[in-house]
Amino acid sequence: MGSLPVLSSPECKGPRPTVSASDLAPLFTAQRRHLDHFFDRLDMSQAAVFAQALLDAPGAVFFTGVGKSGIVARKIAQTLASLGFARAGFLAPVDALHGDIGALFPGDVLVLLSKSGASDELLALVPCARAKGAYLISLTSAASGADCPLAAACDLNVHLPLQGEVCPFGLAPVTSTAIQMVFGDTVVAAIMEARRLTKDQYASNHPAGKIGKTLIFKVKDVMKKQNELPLCKEGDMIMDQLTELTSKGCGCLLVVDDECHLIGTFTDGDLRRTLKASGPAIFNLTVGEMCNRNPRTITAEAMAVEAMEKMESPPSPVQFLPVVDDNNVVCGIITLHGLVSAGL
């Protein structure tokens, strides 16, 4: 493989290195020029054939690459997998040659990303993947020909035109990887449109994201229930229920009858107003006398985002909603704090 130069650790001598706006400006200008070169020369018919091949894939779609191209390949595979249309994943080329190629089946598609189209690891993988019955597609910045053996070895090649790298030596893949990423993600966007992906379908594969939580989480998923509920009876004395009012972290009491039907709510704000209006007479008042008998409520099957909208609706926002069933029986309580804690 030849001999690599032995380099000593760089010594920090002289002034501290800096990067100024005037240093960055020409580099960004050059990067934009290289990207424009790619957009102006990309063969859209090749891109369309590639996109259609992914759409029509009867099996799984695997992406592979070495080095920085491998990182891009993994990212594109993960994005395609997140759509839920087909099984998609990353196949590490070296690991594939040591057993992981067993994941490939006839009819699967293998997309190989390589700037040069001459990566030894990918060229070694091609005949093995073909023997497994996979359809092979290469994405290269080298044009088809003697300088791009990967393109000749695959069933389909898409040329990603590259004018040059912004790297001072023209070597580090700081432009070619950007081109690969832009191309892959744009094709994925085209697939989303072709399959008419809905927001609900997208959210179903992103349960931990903001969109997913908004469209998947129901009230029953984030509400408090059973022993967490601040319950009391309408005949209970207000002052006897202070512990229940403050200990459950809801800022309210849910007033129920013997069968747990909701009668009303009594909040810490109601307590302050009653104390101010009644003074010492508050010791003789029951919760039922001062509770709100027409509170906003919601069902357990409602979407959590609907609960938040209901809390914020006029005439004034509230911090909680009693959760009741079709018979007005209390089964939980949902709070604004709970919604925020859930990421909504």
C-alpha atoms as a PDB file:
ATOM      1  CA  MET A   1       0.000   0.000   0.000  1.00  0.00           C
ATOM      2  CA  GLY A   2       3.023   2.262   0.055  1.00  0.00           C
ATOM      3  CA  SER A   3       4.466   4.252   2.921  1.00  0.00           C
ATOM      4  CA  LEU A   4       2.638   6.989   4.758  1.00  0.00           C
ATOM      5  CA  PRO A   5       4.618  10.007   5.966  1.00  0.00           C
ATOM      6  CA  VAL A   6       5.233  10.117   9.702  1.00  0.00           C
ATOM      7  CA  LEU A   7       3.931  13.434  10.969  1.00  0.00           C
ATOM      8  CA  SER A   8       4.731  15.014  14.277  1.00  0.00           C
ATOM      9  CA  SER A   9       1.995  16.650  16.339  1.00  0.00           C
ATOM     10  CA  PRO A  10       1.401  20.237  15.218  1.00  0.00           C
ATOM     11  CA  GLU A  11       2.847  22.773  17.595  1.00  0.00           C
ATOM     12  CA  CYS A  12       0.824  25.795  18.561  1.00  0.00           C
ATOM     13  CA  LYS A  13       3.282  28.566  17.729  1.00  0.00           C
ATOM     14  CA  GLY A  14       2.512  32.086  16.698  1.00  0.00           C
ATOM     15  CA  PRO A  15      -0.881  33.797  16.687  1.00  0.00           C
ATOM     16  CA  ARG A  16      -4.105  31.831  17.188  1.00  0.00           C
ATOM     17  CA  PRO A  17      -5.621  30.702  13.853  1.00  0.00           C
ATOM     18  CA  THR A  18      -8.825  32.565  12.984  1.00  0.00           C
ATOM     19  CA  VAL A  19     -11.558  32.359  10.352  1.00  0.00           C
ATOM     20  CA  SER A  20     -13.116  35.600   9.217  1.00  0.00           C
ATOM     21  CA  ALA A  21     -16.147  36.422   7.105  1.00  0.00           C
ATOM     22  CA  SER A  22     -13.813  37.384   4.264  1.00  0.00           C
ATOM     23  CA  ASP A  23     -12.278  33.896   4.466  1.00  0.00           C
ATOM     24  CA  LEU A  24     -15.656  32.162   4.357  1.00  0.00           C
ATOM     25  CA  ALA A  25     -17.267  34.206   1.572  1.00  0.00           C
ATOM     26  CA  PRO A  26     -15.214  32.851  -1.348  1.00  0.00           C
ATOM     27  CA  LEU A  27     -15.613  29.286  -0.081  1.00  0.00           C
ATOM     28  CA  PHE A  28     -19.394  29.548   0.067  1.00  0.00           C
ATOM     29  CA  THR A  29     -19.337  31.162  -3.378  1.00  0.00           C
ATOM     30  CA  ALA A  30     -17.292  28.250  -4.691  1.00  0.00           C
ATOM     31  CA  GLN A  31     -19.608  25.733  -3.023  1.00  0.00           C
ATOM     32  CA  ARG A  32     -22.633  27.371  -4.616  1.00  0.00           C
ATOM     33  CA  ARG A  33     -20.900  27.283  -7.997  1.00  0.00           C
ATOM     34  CA  HIS A  34     -20.177  23.555  -7.584  1.00  0.00           C
ATOM     35  CA  LEU A  35     -23.781  22.849  -6.567  1.00  0.00           C
ATOM     36  CA  ASP A  36     -25.107  24.849  -9.519  1.00  0.00           C
ATOM     37  CA  HIS A  37     -22.883  22.748 -11.752  1.00  0.00           C
ATOM     38  CA  PHE A  38     -24.538  19.629 -10.327  1.00  0.00           C
ATOM     39  CA  PHE A  39     -28.093  20.951 -10.746  1.00  0.00           C
ATOM     40  CA  ASP A  40     -27.448  22.183 -14.287  1.00  0.00           C
ATOM     41  CA  ARG A  41     -25.952  18.894 -15.485  1.00  0.00           C
ATOM     42  CA  LEU A  42     -27.914  16.251 -13.597  1.00  0.00           C
ATOM     43  CA  ASP A  43     -29.636  13.890 -16.034  1.00  0.00           C
ATOM     44  CA  MET A  44     -33.269  13.999 -14.892  1.00  0.00           C
ATOM     45  CA  SER A  45     -34.142  10.920 -16.929  1.00  0.00           C
ATOM     46  CA  GLN A  46     -31.545   8.930 -14.971  1.00  0.00           C
ATOM     47  CA  ALA A  47     -32.878  10.370 -11.709  1.00  0.00           C
ATOM     48  CA  ALA A  48     -36.427   9.387 -12.675  1.00  0.00           C
ATOM     49  CA  VAL A  49     -35.405   5.824 -13.518  1.00  0.00           C
ATOM     50  CA  PHE A  50     -33.667   5.588 -10.145  1.00  0.00           C
ATOM     51  CA  ALA A  51     -36.713   6.900  -8.263  1.00  0.00           C
ATOM     52  CA  GLN A  52     -39.002   4.499 -10.131  1.00  0.00           C
ATOM     53  CA  ALA A  53     -36.705   1.585  -9.303  1.00  0.00           C
ATOM     54  CA  LEU A  54     -37.078   2.370  -5.600  1.00  0.00           C
ATOM     55  CA  LEU A  55     -40.834   2.708  -5.980  1.00  0.00           C
ATOM     56  CA  ASP A  56     -41.157  -0.597  -7.832  1.00  0.00           C
ATOM     57  CA  ALA A  57     -38.756  -2.561  -5.628  1.00  0.00           C
ATOM     58  CA  PRO A  58     -40.482  -5.890  -4.865  1.00  0.00           C
ATOM     59  CA  GLY A  59     -38.301  -6.459  -1.813  1.00  0.00           C
ATOM     60  CA  ALA A  60     -36.108  -4.427   0.475  1.00  0.00           C
ATOM     61  CA  VAL A  61     -33.940  -1.463  -0.513  1.00  0.00           C
ATOM     62  CA  PHE A  62     -30.411  -1.393   0.888  1.00  0.00           C
ATOM     63  CA  PHE A  63     -27.862   1.408   0.638  1.00  0.00           C
ATOM     64  CA  THR A  64     -24.126   0.996   1.007  1.00  0.00           C
ATOM     65  CA  GLY A  65     -20.946   3.021   0.757  1.00  0.00           C
ATOM     66  CA  VAL A  66     -17.487   3.485   2.216  1.00  0.00           C
ATOM     67  CA  GLY A  67     -16.276   6.372   4.359  1.00  0.00           C
ATOM     68  CA  LYS A  68     -18.250   9.605   4.038  1.00  0.00           C
ATOM     69  CA  SER A  69     -20.341   8.125   1.214  1.00  0.00           C
ATOM     70  CA  GLY A  70     -21.290   5.376   3.639  1.00  0.00           C
ATOM     71  CA  ILE A  71     -22.523   7.939   6.151  1.00  0.00           C
ATOM     72  CA  VAL A  72     -24.697   9.523   3.457  1.00  0.00           C
ATOM     73  CA  ALA A  73     -25.939   6.093   2.397  1.00  0.00           C
ATOM     74  CA  ARG A  74     -26.962   5.310   5.972  1.00  0.00           C
ATOM     75  CA  LYS A  75     -28.831   8.618   6.270  1.00  0.00           C
ATOM     76  CA  ILE A  76     -30.769   8.123   3.020  1.00  0.00           C
ATOM     77  CA  ALA A  77     -31.657   4.561   4.054  1.00  0.00           C
ATOM     78  CA  GLN A  78     -32.971   5.786   7.401  1.00  0.00           C
ATOM     79  CA  THR A  79     -35.059   8.497   5.748  1.00  0.00           C
ATOM     80  CA  LEU A  80     -36.588   6.029   3.285  1.00  0.00           C
ATOM     81  CA  ALA A  81     -37.287   3.561   6.095  1.00  0.00           C
ATOM     82  CA  SER A  82     -39.086   6.280   8.068  1.00  0.00           C
ATOM     83  CA  LEU A  83     -41.705   6.575   5.331  1.00  0.00           C
ATOM     84  CA  GLY A  84     -42.886   3.018   5.946  1.00  0.00           C
ATOM     85  CA  PHE A  85     -43.335   2.117   2.263  1.00  0.00           C
ATOM     86  CA  ALA A  86     -40.681  -0.574   2.087  1.00  0.00           C
ATOM     87  CA  ARG A  87     -38.040  -2.217   4.193  1.00  0.00           C
ATOM     88  CA  ALA A  88     -34.917  -0.093   3.861  1.00  0.00           C
ATOM     89  CA  GLY A  89     -31.568  -0.228   5.589  1.00  0.00           C
ATOM     90  CA  PHE A  90     -27.836   0.276   5.429  1.00  0.00           C
ATOM     91  CA  LEU A  91     -25.530  -2.610   4.493  1.00  0.00           C
ATOM     92  CA  ALA A  92     -21.928  -2.063   5.568  1.00  0.00           C
ATOM     93  CA  PRO A  93     -19.784  -3.357   2.676  1.00  0.00           C
ATOM     94  CA  VAL A  94     -17.081  -5.037   4.754  1.00  0.00           C
ATOM     95  CA  ASP A  95     -19.579  -6.576   7.168  1.00  0.00           C
ATOM     96  CA  ALA A  96     -21.602  -7.755   4.174  1.00  0.00           C
ATOM     97  CA  LEU A  97     -18.624  -9.801   3.012  1.00  0.00           C
ATOM     98  CA  HIS A  98     -18.443 -11.398   6.443  1.00  0.00           C
ATOM     99  CA  GLY A  99     -22.030 -12.590   6.721  1.00  0.00           C
ATOM    100  CA  ASP A 100     -24.347  -9.585   6.624  1.00  0.00           C
ATOM    101  CA  ILE A 101     -25.024 -10.160   2.929  1.00  0.00           C
ATOM    102  CA  GLY A 102     -27.412 -12.835   4.162  1.00  0.00           C
ATOM    103  CA  ALA A 103     -29.937  -9.989   4.541  1.00  0.00           C
ATOM    104  CA  LEU A 104     -30.109  -9.693   0.729  1.00  0.00           C
ATOM    105  CA  PHE A 105     -32.768 -11.700  -1.101  1.00  0.00           C
ATOM    106  CA  PRO A 106     -33.732 -11.998  -4.779  1.00  0.00           C
ATOM    107  CA  GLY A 107     -35.620  -8.882  -5.863  1.00  0.00           C
ATOM    108  CA  ASP A 108     -33.976  -6.614  -3.305  1.00  0.00           C
ATOM    109  CA  VAL A 109     -32.348  -3.392  -4.505  1.00  0.00           C
ATOM    110  CA  LEU A 110     -28.805  -2.471  -3.480  1.00  0.00           C
ATOM    111  CA  VAL A 111     -27.769   1.160  -4.017  1.00  0.00           C
ATOM    112  CA  LEU A 112     -24.001   1.738  -3.934  1.00  0.00           C
ATOM    113  CA  LEU A 113     -22.734   5.282  -3.328  1.00  0.00           C
ATOM    114  CA  SER A 114     -19.188   6.142  -4.417  1.00  0.00           C
ATOM    115  CA  LYS A 115     -17.608   9.382  -5.550  1.00  0.00           C
ATOM    116  CA  SER A 116     -14.924   7.639  -7.611  1.00  0.00           C
ATOM    117  CA  GLY A 117     -16.846   4.533  -8.601  1.00  0.00           C
ATOM    118  CA  ALA A 118     -13.690   2.569  -7.895  1.00  0.00           C
ATOM    119  CA  SER A 119     -13.917   1.674  -4.193  1.00  0.00           C
ATOM    120  CA  ASP A 120     -12.338  -1.749  -3.692  1.00  0.00           C
ATOM    121  CA  GLU A 121     -14.826  -2.667  -0.954  1.00  0.00           C
ATOM    122  CA  LEU A 122     -17.824  -1.974  -3.195  1.00  0.00           C
ATOM    123  CA  LEU A 123     -16.310  -3.698  -6.211  1.00  0.00           C
ATOM    124  CA  ALA A 124     -15.741  -6.780  -4.047  1.00  0.00           C
ATOM    125  CA  LEU A 125     -19.346  -6.664  -2.874  1.00  0.00           C
ATOM    126  CA  VAL A 126     -20.929  -6.397  -6.351  1.00  0.00           C
ATOM    127  CA  PRO A 127     -20.512 -10.017  -7.571  1.00  0.00           C
ATOM    128  CA  CYS A 128     -21.638 -11.375  -4.204  1.00  0.00           C
ATOM    129  CA  ALA A 129     -24.749  -9.187  -4.202  1.00  0.00           C
ATOM    130  CA  ARG A 130     -25.505 -10.160  -7.784  1.00  0.00           C
ATOM    131  CA  ALA A 131     -25.238 -13.827  -6.868  1.00  0.00           C
ATOM    132  CA  LYS A 132     -27.899 -13.194  -4.220  1.00  0.00           C
ATOM    133  CA  GLY A 133     -30.272 -11.923  -6.948  1.00  0.00           C
ATOM    134  CA  ALA A 134     -30.202  -8.225  -5.990  1.00  0.00           C
ATOM    135  CA  TYR A 135     -30.721  -5.404  -8.478  1.00  0.00           C
ATOM    136  CA  LEU A 136     -27.655  -3.142  -8.323  1.00  0.00           C
ATOM    137  CA  ILE A 137     -27.660   0.632  -8.726  1.00  0.00           C
ATOM    138  CA  SER A 138     -24.571   2.823  -8.434  1.00  0.00           C
ATOM    139  CA  LEU A 139     -24.512   6.550  -7.690  1.00  0.00           C
ATOM    140  CA  THR A 140     -21.148   7.923  -8.770  1.00  0.00           C
ATOM    141  CA  SER A 141     -19.570  11.256  -9.584  1.00  0.00           C
ATOM    142  CA  ALA A 142     -17.157   9.627 -12.024  1.00  0.00           C
ATOM    143  CA  ALA A 143     -18.717   9.201 -15.439  1.00  0.00           C
ATOM    144  CA  SER A 144     -19.299   5.697 -16.787  1.00  0.00           C
ATOM    145  CA  GLY A 145     -16.236   4.249 -18.431  1.00  0.00           C
ATOM    146  CA  ALA A 146     -12.851   2.785 -17.657  1.00  0.00           C
ATOM    147  CA  ASP A 147     -12.407   5.207 -14.753  1.00  0.00           C
ATOM    148  CA  CYS A 148     -15.665   4.048 -13.136  1.00  0.00           C
ATOM    149  CA  PRO A 149     -15.701   0.239 -12.940  1.00  0.00           C
ATOM    150  CA  LEU A 150     -18.561   0.306 -10.417  1.00  0.00           C
ATOM    151  CA  ALA A 151     -20.913   1.845 -12.977  1.00  0.00           C
ATOM    152  CA  ALA A 152     -20.078  -0.885 -15.505  1.00  0.00           C
ATOM    153  CA  ALA A 153     -20.643  -3.609 -12.908  1.00  0.00           C
ATOM    154  CA  CYS A 154     -24.126  -2.453 -11.874  1.00  0.00           C
ATOM    155  CA  ASP A 155     -27.508  -2.746 -13.580  1.00  0.00           C
ATOM    156  CA  LEU A 156     -28.045   1.012 -13.445  1.00  0.00           C
ATOM    157  CA  ASN A 157     -25.756   3.977 -12.887  1.00  0.00           C
ATOM    158  CA  VAL A 158     -26.774   7.510 -12.013  1.00  0.00           C
ATOM    159  CA  HIS A 159     -24.070  10.086 -12.636  1.00  0.00           C
ATOM    160  CA  LEU A 160     -23.891  12.844 -10.032  1.00  0.00           C
ATOM    161  CA  PRO A 161     -21.924  15.622 -11.811  1.00  0.00           C
ATOM    162  CA  LEU A 162     -19.109  17.024  -9.680  1.00  0.00           C
ATOM    163  CA  GLN A 163     -17.099  20.073 -10.711  1.00  0.00           C
ATOM    164  CA  GLY A 164     -14.751  19.931  -7.732  1.00  0.00           C
ATOM    165  CA  GLU A 165     -14.393  19.846  -3.963  1.00  0.00           C
ATOM    166  CA  VAL A 166     -14.195  23.027  -1.908  1.00  0.00           C
ATOM    167  CA  CYS A 167     -11.405  21.384   0.090  1.00  0.00           C
ATOM    168  CA  PRO A 168      -8.119  23.358  -0.342  1.00  0.00           C
ATOM    169  CA  PHE A 169      -6.526  20.196  -1.752  1.00  0.00           C
ATOM    170  CA  GLY A 170      -9.556  19.202  -3.801  1.00  0.00           C
ATOM    171  CA  LEU A 171      -9.586  15.886  -1.934  1.00  0.00           C
ATOM    172  CA  ALA A 172     -11.839  15.918   1.133  1.00  0.00           C
ATOM    173  CA  PRO A 173     -15.443  15.031   0.149  1.00  0.00           C
ATOM    174  CA  VAL A 174     -16.992  18.307   1.263  1.00  0.00           C
ATOM    175  CA  THR A 175     -18.931  18.915  -1.956  1.00  0.00           C
ATOM    176  CA  SER A 176     -19.470  15.412  -3.334  1.00  0.00           C
ATOM    177  CA  THR A 177     -21.207  14.277  -0.138  1.00  0.00           C
ATOM    178  CA  ALA A 178     -23.438  17.358  -0.221  1.00  0.00           C
ATOM    179  CA  ILE A 179     -24.441  16.409  -3.759  1.00  0.00           C
ATOM    180  CA  GLN A 180     -25.156  12.812  -2.725  1.00  0.00           C
ATOM    181  CA  MET A 181     -27.297  13.978   0.178  1.00  0.00           C
ATOM    182  CA  VAL A 182     -29.254  16.507  -1.897  1.00  0.00           C
ATOM    183  CA  PHE A 183     -29.875  13.937  -4.605  1.00  0.00           C
ATOM    184  CA  GLY A 184     -30.968  11.176  -2.233  1.00  0.00           C
ATOM    185  CA  ASP A 185     -33.232  13.343  -0.126  1.00  0.00           C
ATOM    186  CA  THR A 186     -34.862  14.924  -3.181  1.00  0.00           C
ATOM    187  CA  VAL A 187     -35.630  11.493  -4.609  1.00  0.00           C
ATOM    188  CA  VAL A 188     -37.124  10.479  -1.256  1.00  0.00           C
ATOM    189  CA  ALA A 189     -39.337  13.581  -1.384  1.00  0.00           C
ATOM    190  CA  ALA A 190     -40.478  12.546  -4.870  1.00  0.00           C
ATOM    191  CA  ILE A 191     -41.361   9.086  -3.540  1.00  0.00           C
ATOM    192  CA  MET A 192     -43.397  10.677  -0.739  1.00  0.00           C
ATOM    193  CA  GLU A 193     -45.421  12.584  -3.333  1.00  0.00           C
ATOM    194  CA  ALA A 194     -45.788   9.590  -5.654  1.00  0.00           C
ATOM    195  CA  ARG A 195     -47.104   7.408  -2.809  1.00  0.00           C
ATOM    196  CA  ARG A 196     -49.320  10.263  -1.579  1.00  0.00           C
ATOM    197  CA  LEU A 197     -47.932   9.965   1.924  1.00  0.00           C
ATOM    198  CA  THR A 198     -50.257  11.524   4.487  1.00  0.00           C
ATOM    199  CA  LYS A 199     -49.197  13.317   7.635  1.00  0.00           C
ATOM    200  CA  ASP A 200     -50.864  10.588   9.703  1.00  0.00           C
ATOM    201  CA  GLN A 201     -48.831   7.893   7.931  1.00  0.00           C
ATOM    202  CA  TYR A 202     -45.638   9.860   8.437  1.00  0.00           C
ATOM    203  CA  ALA A 203     -46.428  10.430  12.101  1.00  0.00           C
ATOM    204  CA  SER A 204     -47.048   6.733  12.716  1.00  0.00           C
ATOM    205  CA  ASN A 205     -43.325   6.129  12.197  1.00  0.00           C
ATOM    206  CA  HIS A 206     -42.250   9.109  14.312  1.00  0.00           C
ATOM    207  CA  PRO A 207     -43.980   8.510  17.673  1.00  0.00           C
ATOM    208  CA  ALA A 208     -41.272  10.360  19.613  1.00  0.00           C
ATOM    209  CA  GLY A 209     -41.278  13.458  17.403  1.00  0.00           C
ATOM    210  CA  LYS A 210     -43.463  16.540  17.754  1.00  0.00           C
ATOM    211  CA  ILE A 211     -45.533  15.657  14.679  1.00  0.00           C
ATOM    212  CA  GLY A 212     -45.970  12.081  15.827  1.00  0.00           C
ATOM    213  CA  LYS A 213     -46.990  13.061  19.332  1.00  0.00           C
ATOM    214  CA  THR A 214     -49.507  15.537  17.951  1.00  0.00           C
ATOM    215  CA  LEU A 215     -51.151  12.957  15.706  1.00  0.00           C
ATOM    216  CA  ILE A 216     -50.741   9.772  17.729  1.00  0.00           C
ATOM    217  CA  PHE A 217     -51.072  10.608  21.413  1.00  0.00           C
ATOM    218  CA  LYS A 218     -54.575  10.396  22.837  1.00  0.00           C
ATOM    219  CA  VAL A 219     -55.848  11.816  26.104  1.00  0.00           C
ATOM    220  CA  LYS A 220     -55.725   8.361  27.679  1.00  0.00           C
ATOM    221  CA  ASP A 221     -51.977   8.199  26.964  1.00  0.00           C
ATOM    222  CA  VAL A 222     -51.112  11.256  29.067  1.00  0.00           C
ATOM    223  CA  MET A 223     -53.929  11.616  31.604  1.00  0.00           C
ATOM    224  CA  LYS A 224     -53.716  10.956  35.342  1.00  0.00           C
ATOM    225  CA  LYS A 225     -55.982   8.233  36.652  1.00  0.00           C
ATOM    226  CA  GLN A 226     -57.029   6.150  39.649  1.00  0.00           C
ATOM    227  CA  ASN A 227     -55.098   7.145  42.786  1.00  0.00           C
ATOM    228  CA  GLU A 228     -53.652  10.211  41.044  1.00  0.00           C
ATOM    229  CA  LEU A 229     -57.102  11.839  40.804  1.00  0.00           C
ATOM    230  CA  PRO A 230     -58.022  14.664  43.243  1.00  0.00           C
ATOM    231  CA  LEU A 231     -61.553  13.462  44.056  1.00  0.00           C
ATOM    232  CA  CYS A 232     -64.030  14.719  46.642  1.00  0.00           C
ATOM    233  CA  LYS A 233     -67.791  14.686  47.339  1.00  0.00           C
ATOM    234  CA  GLU A 234     -70.020  17.745  47.075  1.00  0.00           C
ATOM    235  CA  GLY A 235     -70.893  17.525  50.775  1.00  0.00           C
ATOM    236  CA  ASP A 236     -67.241  17.680  51.872  1.00  0.00           C
ATOM    237  CA  MET A 237     -66.172  20.829  53.714  1.00  0.00           C
ATOM    238  CA  ILE A 238     -63.818  23.005  51.700  1.00  0.00           C
ATOM    239  CA  MET A 239     -61.261  23.316  54.478  1.00  0.00           C
ATOM    240  CA  ASP A 240     -61.195  19.534  54.940  1.00  0.00           C
ATOM    241  CA  GLN A 241     -60.136  19.064  51.325  1.00  0.00           C
ATOM    242  CA  LEU A 242     -57.093  21.364  51.257  1.00  0.00           C
ATOM    243  CA  THR A 243     -54.680  18.437  51.360  1.00  0.00           C
ATOM    244  CA  GLU A 244     -56.423  16.721  48.442  1.00  0.00           C
ATOM    245  CA  LEU A 245     -56.486  20.021  46.556  1.00  0.00           C
ATOM    246  CA  THR A 246     -52.741  20.579  46.874  1.00  0.00           C
ATOM    247  CA  SER A 247     -51.212  17.095  47.046  1.00  0.00           C
ATOM    248  CA  LYS A 248     -52.179  15.713  43.621  1.00  0.00           C
ATOM    249  CA  GLY A 249     -50.476  18.443  41.612  1.00  0.00           C
ATOM    250  CA  CYS A 250     -53.556  19.265  39.528  1.00  0.00           C
ATOM    251  CA  GLY A 251     -54.568  22.558  41.129  1.00  0.00           C
ATOM    252  CA  CYS A 252     -58.162  21.406  41.452  1.00  0.00           C
ATOM    253  CA  LEU A 253     -60.686  19.016  42.931  1.00  0.00           C
ATOM    254  CA  LEU A 254     -63.027  16.860  40.865  1.00  0.00           C
ATOM    255  CA  VAL A 255     -66.381  16.828  42.629  1.00  0.00           C
ATOM    256  CA  VAL A 256     -68.161  13.496  42.137  1.00  0.00           C
ATOM    257  CA  ASP A 257     -71.124  11.555  43.505  1.00  0.00           C
ATOM    258  CA  ASP A 258     -71.044   8.071  45.007  1.00  0.00           C
ATOM    259  CA  GLU A 259     -70.867   6.488  41.542  1.00  0.00           C
ATOM    260  CA  CYS A 260     -68.076   8.824  40.417  1.00  0.00           C
ATOM    261  CA  HIS A 261     -70.274  10.900  38.089  1.00  0.00           C
ATOM    262  CA  LEU A 262     -68.764  14.343  37.623  1.00  0.00           C
ATOM    263  CA  ILE A 263     -70.676  17.083  39.421  1.00  0.00           C
ATOM    264  CA  GLY A 264     -68.207  19.913  39.019  1.00  0.00           C
ATOM    265  CA  THR A 265     -64.709  21.212  39.708  1.00  0.00           C
ATOM    266  CA  PHE A 266     -63.191  23.340  42.446  1.00  0.00           C
ATOM    267  CA  THR A 267     -59.819  25.005  41.746  1.00  0.00           C
ATOM    268  CA  ASP A 268     -57.196  26.694  43.870  1.00  0.00           C
ATOM    269  CA  GLY A 269     -58.384  29.907  42.235  1.00  0.00           C
ATOM    270  CA  ASP A 270     -61.909  29.191  43.490  1.00  0.00           C
ATOM    271  CA  LEU A 271     -60.429  28.728  46.951  1.00  0.00           C
ATOM    272  CA  ARG A 272     -58.770  32.135  46.892  1.00  0.00           C
ATOM    273  CA  ARG A 273     -61.895  33.846  45.610  1.00  0.00           C
ATOM    274  CA  THR A 274     -64.100  32.121  48.202  1.00  0.00           C
ATOM    275  CA  LEU A 275     -61.722  33.025  51.003  1.00  0.00           C
ATOM    276  CA  LYS A 276     -61.662  36.654  49.890  1.00  0.00           C
ATOM    277  CA  ALA A 277     -65.454  36.857  49.569  1.00  0.00           C
ATOM    278  CA  SER A 278     -66.485  34.795  52.607  1.00  0.00           C
ATOM    279  CA  GLY A 279     -63.686  35.243  55.103  1.00  0.00           C
ATOM    280  CA  PRO A 280     -64.129  33.031  58.196  1.00  0.00           C
ATOM    281  CA  ALA A 281     -67.426  31.746  56.782  1.00  0.00           C
ATOM    282  CA  ILE A 282     -65.404  29.521  54.471  1.00  0.00           C
ATOM    283  CA  PHE A 283     -65.112  27.045  57.362  1.00  0.00           C
ATOM    284  CA  ASN A 284     -68.846  26.395  57.013  1.00  0.00           C
ATOM    285  CA  LEU A 285     -68.970  26.019  53.223  1.00  0.00           C
ATOM    286  CA  THR A 286     -69.016  22.736  51.313  1.00  0.00           C
ATOM    287  CA  VAL A 287     -67.208  22.097  48.039  1.00  0.00           C
ATOM    288  CA  GLY A 288     -70.548  21.552  46.344  1.00  0.00           C
ATOM    289  CA  GLU A 289     -71.738  25.032  47.269  1.00  0.00           C
ATOM    290  CA  MET A 290     -68.827  26.776  45.548  1.00  0.00           C
ATOM    291  CA  CYS A 291     -67.781  24.418  42.708  1.00  0.00           C
ATOM    292  CA  ASN A 292     -68.134  25.079  38.982  1.00  0.00           C
ATOM    293  CA  ARG A 293     -70.966  22.794  37.862  1.00  0.00           C
ATOM    294  CA  ASN A 294     -70.399  23.321  34.163  1.00  0.00           C
ATOM    295  CA  PRO A 295     -66.699  22.568  33.566  1.00  0.00           C
ATOM    296  CA  ARG A 296     -65.127  21.761  30.233  1.00  0.00           C
ATOM    297  CA  THR A 297     -64.539  18.030  29.844  1.00  0.00           C
ATOM    298  CA  ILE A 298     -63.003  15.644  27.325  1.00  0.00           C
ATOM    299  CA  THR A 299     -63.071  11.922  26.601  1.00  0.00           C
ATOM    300  CA  ALA A 300     -60.176   9.482  26.926  1.00  0.00           C
ATOM    301  CA  GLU A 301     -60.258   8.655  23.193  1.00  0.00           C
ATOM    302  CA  ALA A 302     -59.890  12.286  22.103  1.00  0.00           C
ATOM    303  CA  MET A 303     -56.542  13.371  20.696  1.00  0.00           C
ATOM    304  CA  ALA A 304     -54.197  14.984  23.209  1.00  0.00           C
ATOM    305  CA  VAL A 305     -53.742  18.007  20.958  1.00  0.00           C
ATOM    306  CA  GLU A 306     -57.527  18.494  21.050  1.00  0.00           C
ATOM    307  CA  ALA A 307     -57.308  18.677  24.844  1.00  0.00           C
ATOM    308  CA  MET A 308     -54.720  21.429  24.600  1.00  0.00           C
ATOM    309  CA  GLU A 309     -56.870  23.375  22.139  1.00  0.00           C
ATOM    310  CA  LYS A 310     -59.867  23.001  24.450  1.00  0.00           C
ATOM    311  CA  MET A 311     -57.857  24.262  27.423  1.00  0.00           C
ATOM    312  CA  GLU A 312     -56.782  27.364  25.489  1.00  0.00           C
ATOM    313  CA  SER A 313     -60.200  28.178  24.008  1.00  0.00           C
ATOM    314  CA  PRO A 314     -62.281  31.256  25.074  1.00  0.00           C
ATOM    315  CA  PRO A 315     -63.588  32.715  27.242  1.00  0.00           C
ATOM    316  CA  SER A 316     -60.501  32.023  29.373  1.00  0.00           C
ATOM    317  CA  PRO A 317     -57.784  29.347  29.393  1.00  0.00           C
ATOM    318  CA  VAL A 318     -57.821  26.557  31.950  1.00  0.00           C
ATOM    319  CA  GLN A 319     -55.028  24.348  33.289  1.00  0.00           C
ATOM    320  CA  PHE A 320     -56.868  20.998  33.300  1.00  0.00           C
ATOM    321  CA  LEU A 321     -59.773  19.020  31.883  1.00  0.00           C
ATOM    322  CA  PRO A 322     -61.709  16.261  33.649  1.00  0.00           C
ATOM    323  CA  VAL A 323     -61.781  13.114  31.503  1.00  0.00           C
ATOM    324  CA  VAL A 324     -65.203  11.445  31.451  1.00  0.00           C
ATOM    325  CA  ASP A 325     -66.874   8.570  29.624  1.00  0.00           C
ATOM    326  CA  ASP A 326     -70.206   8.575  27.789  1.00  0.00           C
ATOM    327  CA  ASN A 327     -72.039   8.350  31.131  1.00  0.00           C
ATOM    328  CA  ASN A 328     -70.173  11.331  32.610  1.00  0.00           C
ATOM    329  CA  VAL A 329     -68.191   9.044  34.914  1.00  0.00           C
ATOM    330  CA  VAL A 330     -64.729  10.400  35.746  1.00  0.00           C
ATOM    331  CA  CYS A 331     -61.909   8.205  34.444  1.00  0.00           C
ATOM    332  CA  GLY A 332     -59.028  10.668  34.548  1.00  0.00           C
ATOM    333  CA  ILE A 333     -57.753  14.227  34.425  1.00  0.00           C
ATOM    334  CA  ILE A 334     -55.438  15.806  31.869  1.00  0.00           C
ATOM    335  CA  THR A 335     -53.358  18.837  32.791  1.00  0.00           C
ATOM    336  CA  LEU A 336     -51.495  21.430  30.773  1.00  0.00           C
ATOM    337  CA  HIS A 337     -48.343  20.487  32.659  1.00  0.00           C
ATOM    338  CA  GLY A 338     -48.828  16.870  31.633  1.00  0.00           C
ATOM    339  CA  LEU A 339     -49.205  17.828  27.975  1.00  0.00           C
ATOM    340  CA  VAL A 340     -46.079  19.969  28.046  1.00  0.00           C
ATOM    341  CA  SER A 341     -44.128  17.204  29.808  1.00  0.00           C
ATOM    342  CA  ALA A 342     -45.200  14.788  27.056  1.00  0.00           C
ATOM    343  CA  GLY A 343     -43.687  17.104  24.446  1.00  0.00           C
ATOM    344  CA  LEU A 344     -46.939  18.515  23.110  1.00  0.00           C
END
